[in-house]
Amino acid sequence: AMKNPVPQAASLLLEKLMLLVHIRPLPAGSDVKTPPPAPGYYDTSCFKRGDLLEVPRTLFIHFGIYLGENRVAHLMPDILPTASVRVDTVEDFAYGGSILVNHMDRLFEDQVLGSEEAARRAEKLVGATAYSLLWNNCEHFVTYCRYGAPVSFQTDKFCETVKMIIRDQRSVLASVLLGLASIVCLGVAPSTTLPTIFIPFFLWMAG
């Protein structure tokens, strides 16, 4: 039997949205990417090897595992559907954002692995890997390393919230009209506006 293409299409669109979230926008009229903070911007003396680091961003939270000596292993999407677990400085990882340390430990209680075990798991996974917003993103990576099970609470919450909103066909129509209006009136590029039209439609169909 043929698989329903709608959920797959919705997943692909969501993955592209996640990729856009991980790319910091350029200042208006600038062709140069804003550089990360200089080394020493963050006080890493309170970080321990194996710590789970969170950096809240506009729509999502980015996650990494601290390896010591100002190095963080984190999963980043490349050209979808591929990604890589890479090691960067804390400054390159957080890019000026605030950092939360082991904030998820309270959700896993007794499932927290040893710090050295978490760091070794992260180091073993460094390199190319598959990427999926729903099944293999940066949160799946860190929860596997520190807690032994790949979980993404923010993805689950995001999908459930979107599905709940767009089950009402009027919300779907409003999303489509809003996207079209932004293209016509504001001159927004279709490449960034079309996902706002089709993501609600496909998720509503999948639900």
Protein backbone atom coordinates (compact mmCIF):
# COMPACT_ATOMS: atom_id res chain seq x y z
CA ALA A 1 0.00 0.00 0.00
CA MET A 2 1.20 3.49 -0.83
CA LYS A 3 2.08 5.79 2.06
CA ASN A 4 0.08 8.95 2.54
CA PRO A 5 2.36 11.74 1.21
CA VAL A 6 0.70 14.47 3.29
CA PRO A 7 2.43 13.74 6.64
CA GLN A 8 5.77 13.41 4.81
CA ALA A 9 5.26 16.75 3.08
CA ALA A 10 4.31 18.39 6.36
CA SER A 11 7.39 16.97 8.05
CA LEU A 12 9.65 18.26 5.27
CA LEU A 13 8.17 21.75 5.54
CA LEU A 14 8.64 21.76 9.31
CA GLU A 15 12.27 20.67 8.87
CA LYS A 16 12.88 23.58 6.53
CA LEU A 17 11.34 25.89 9.13
CA MET A 18 13.68 24.54 11.78
CA LEU A 19 16.64 25.14 9.45
CA LEU A 20 15.57 28.77 9.04
CA VAL A 21 15.33 29.15 12.81
CA HIS A 22 18.94 28.02 13.25
CA ILE A 23 20.15 30.65 10.76
CA ARG A 24 20.55 34.07 12.32
CA PRO A 25 19.06 36.80 10.09
CA LEU A 26 21.39 39.39 8.59
CA PRO A 27 20.93 43.05 9.42
CA ALA A 28 19.05 44.98 6.75
CA GLY A 29 21.32 46.02 3.90
CA SER A 30 24.22 43.94 5.15
CA ASP A 31 25.99 41.22 3.20
CA VAL A 32 28.23 40.23 6.10
CA LYS A 33 27.15 37.70 8.72
CA THR A 34 27.23 39.02 12.27
CA PRO A 35 30.27 37.42 13.95
CA PRO A 36 29.90 35.45 17.18
CA PRO A 37 31.05 37.00 20.46
CA ALA A 38 34.78 37.08 21.12
CA PRO A 39 36.38 34.19 23.06
CA GLY A 40 35.85 34.62 26.78
CA TYR A 41 32.42 36.21 26.35
CA TYR A 42 30.91 33.42 28.47
CA ASP A 43 32.15 32.37 31.89
CA THR A 44 32.60 28.63 31.40
CA SER A 45 34.02 28.01 34.87
CA CYS A 46 30.57 26.88 36.05
CA PHE A 47 30.20 24.37 33.19
CA LYS A 48 31.19 20.75 33.72
CA ARG A 49 31.97 18.15 31.10
CA GLY A 50 28.72 16.38 30.16
CA ASP A 51 26.45 19.31 31.05
CA LEU A 52 23.41 19.86 28.84
CA LEU A 53 23.32 23.44 27.56
CA GLU A 54 20.17 25.18 26.29
CA VAL A 55 20.03 28.42 24.33
CA PRO A 56 16.49 29.84 23.96
CA ARG A 57 15.90 31.35 20.53
CA THR A 58 12.98 33.11 18.89
CA LEU A 59 10.87 30.03 18.11
CA PHE A 60 12.87 27.06 19.34
CA ILE A 61 15.56 26.17 21.87
CA HIS A 62 18.97 25.00 20.66
CA PHE A 63 20.76 22.29 22.65
CA GLY A 64 24.30 21.02 23.07
CA ILE A 65 26.53 18.90 25.32
CA TYR A 66 29.50 20.61 26.96
CA LEU A 67 32.73 18.69 26.36
CA GLY A 68 35.07 20.83 28.44
CA GLU A 69 37.70 23.41 27.45
CA ASN A 70 35.08 25.76 25.96
CA ARG A 71 33.83 23.11 23.48
CA VAL A 72 30.21 22.15 22.80
CA ALA A 73 28.90 19.25 20.69
CA HIS A 74 25.61 20.06 19.00
CA LEU A 75 23.55 18.83 16.06
CA MET A 76 23.02 21.30 13.23
CA PRO A 77 21.08 20.76 9.97
CA ASP A 78 23.15 21.16 6.82
CA ILE A 79 21.50 20.62 3.44
CA LEU A 80 18.31 18.72 4.31
CA PRO A 81 17.84 15.88 4.97
CA THR A 82 21.43 15.70 6.25
CA ALA A 83 22.94 17.21 9.37
CA SER A 84 26.11 16.97 11.40
CA VAL A 85 27.08 16.75 15.03
CA ARG A 86 29.82 19.35 15.29
CA VAL A 87 32.07 20.70 18.00
CA ASP A 88 32.20 24.49 18.37
CA THR A 89 33.25 26.99 20.98
CA VAL A 90 30.63 28.10 23.49
CA GLU A 91 30.58 31.49 21.74
CA ASP A 92 29.84 29.93 18.33
CA PHE A 93 27.23 27.63 19.85
CA ALA A 94 25.30 30.23 21.85
CA TYR A 95 25.95 33.23 19.60
CA GLY A 96 25.32 35.77 22.33
CA GLY A 97 22.20 34.10 23.71
CA SER A 98 21.60 33.19 27.34
CA ILE A 99 22.58 29.66 28.40
CA LEU A 100 20.64 27.35 30.71
CA VAL A 101 22.55 24.45 32.29
CA ASN A 102 20.96 21.02 32.88
CA HIS A 103 17.51 22.60 32.91
CA MET A 104 15.93 19.34 31.69
CA ASP A 105 17.28 17.18 34.52
CA ARG A 106 14.13 17.83 36.56
CA LEU A 107 12.04 16.17 33.83
CA PHE A 108 14.06 12.95 33.82
CA GLU A 109 14.79 12.58 37.56
CA ASP A 110 16.65 9.28 38.01
CA GLN A 111 17.39 8.82 34.29
CA VAL A 112 20.35 11.22 34.27
CA LEU A 113 23.48 9.39 33.13
CA GLY A 114 26.93 10.16 34.45
CA SER A 115 28.51 13.34 33.11
CA GLU A 116 31.42 11.48 31.53
CA GLU A 117 29.06 9.01 29.87
CA ALA A 118 27.04 11.88 28.39
CA ALA A 119 30.17 13.55 27.02
CA ARG A 120 31.50 10.31 25.53
CA ARG A 121 28.18 9.61 23.82
CA ALA A 122 28.28 13.07 22.28
CA GLU A 123 31.87 12.63 21.10
CA LYS A 124 31.07 9.27 19.48
CA LEU A 125 28.30 10.86 17.43
CA VAL A 126 30.40 13.71 16.03
CA GLY A 127 30.13 13.73 12.24
CA ALA A 128 27.49 13.47 9.54
CA THR A 129 24.04 12.16 10.42
CA ALA A 130 20.47 12.20 9.14
CA TYR A 131 18.23 15.10 10.15
CA SER A 132 14.56 15.08 10.99
CA LEU A 133 12.69 17.76 12.88
CA LEU A 134 10.34 15.12 14.26
CA TRP A 135 12.76 12.27 14.99
CA ASN A 136 16.38 13.46 14.99
CA ASN A 137 16.99 17.09 15.92
CA CYS A 138 19.33 18.80 18.38
CA GLU A 139 17.06 18.01 21.34
CA HIS A 140 16.91 14.31 20.44
CA PHE A 141 20.72 14.35 20.31
CA VAL A 142 21.25 15.81 23.79
CA THR A 143 18.52 13.80 25.52
CA TYR A 144 20.03 10.60 24.12
CA CYS A 145 23.48 11.62 25.35
CA ARG A 146 22.48 12.71 28.86
CA TYR A 147 19.37 10.62 29.58
CA GLY A 148 19.74 7.58 27.34
CA ALA A 149 16.56 8.18 25.32
CA PRO A 150 16.06 10.54 22.34
CA VAL A 151 13.14 12.86 23.15
CA SER A 152 12.05 16.26 21.84
CA PHE A 153 9.48 17.98 24.03
CA GLN A 154 9.52 21.22 22.07
CA THR A 155 8.78 19.44 18.78
CA ASP A 156 5.91 17.48 20.32
CA LYS A 157 4.46 20.62 21.89
CA PHE A 158 4.87 22.62 18.69
CA CYS A 159 3.13 20.00 16.53
CA GLU A 160 0.26 19.52 18.98
CA THR A 161 -0.28 23.27 19.31
CA VAL A 162 -0.31 23.80 15.55
CA LYS A 163 -2.65 20.86 14.98
CA MET A 164 -5.03 22.09 17.66
CA ILE A 165 -5.21 25.55 16.12
CA ILE A 166 -5.57 24.57 12.49
CA ARG A 167 -8.15 21.82 12.92
CA ASP A 168 -10.56 24.70 12.49
CA GLN A 169 -10.80 25.21 8.74
CA ARG A 170 -11.25 28.93 9.31
CA SER A 171 -7.78 29.09 10.82
CA VAL A 172 -6.36 27.41 7.72
CA LEU A 173 -8.11 29.92 5.48
CA ALA A 174 -6.89 32.80 7.64
CA SER A 175 -3.30 31.51 7.42
CA VAL A 176 -3.50 31.28 3.63
CA LEU A 177 -4.99 34.77 3.31
CA LEU A 178 -2.42 36.22 5.72
CA GLY A 179 0.43 34.66 3.77
CA LEU A 180 -0.88 35.93 0.44
CA ALA A 181 -1.47 39.40 1.87
CA SER A 182 2.09 39.58 3.20
CA ILE A 183 3.42 38.74 -0.27
CA VAL A 184 1.24 41.29 -2.06
CA CYS A 185 1.28 44.16 0.44
CA LEU A 186 4.62 43.81 2.22
CA GLY A 187 6.72 42.37 -0.56
CA VAL A 188 7.78 39.39 1.54
CA ALA A 189 9.65 36.77 -0.48
CA PRO A 190 7.51 33.75 -1.42
CA SER A 191 10.32 31.44 -0.27
CA THR A 192 9.74 32.53 3.33
CA THR A 193 6.00 33.15 3.18
CA LEU A 194 4.79 30.02 1.42
CA PRO A 195 5.69 27.79 4.40
CA THR A 196 3.32 29.87 6.54
CA ILE A 197 0.58 29.00 4.05
CA PHE A 198 1.27 25.34 3.46
CA ILE A 199 2.46 24.17 6.90
CA PRO A 200 -0.98 24.77 8.50
CA PHE A 201 -2.73 23.20 5.52
CA PHE A 202 -0.65 20.03 5.48
CA LEU A 203 -0.75 19.57 9.26
CA TRP A 204 -4.52 20.06 9.24
CA MET A 205 -4.83 17.41 6.53
CA ALA A 206 -2.49 15.06 8.43
CA GLY A 207 -4.49 15.50 11.64
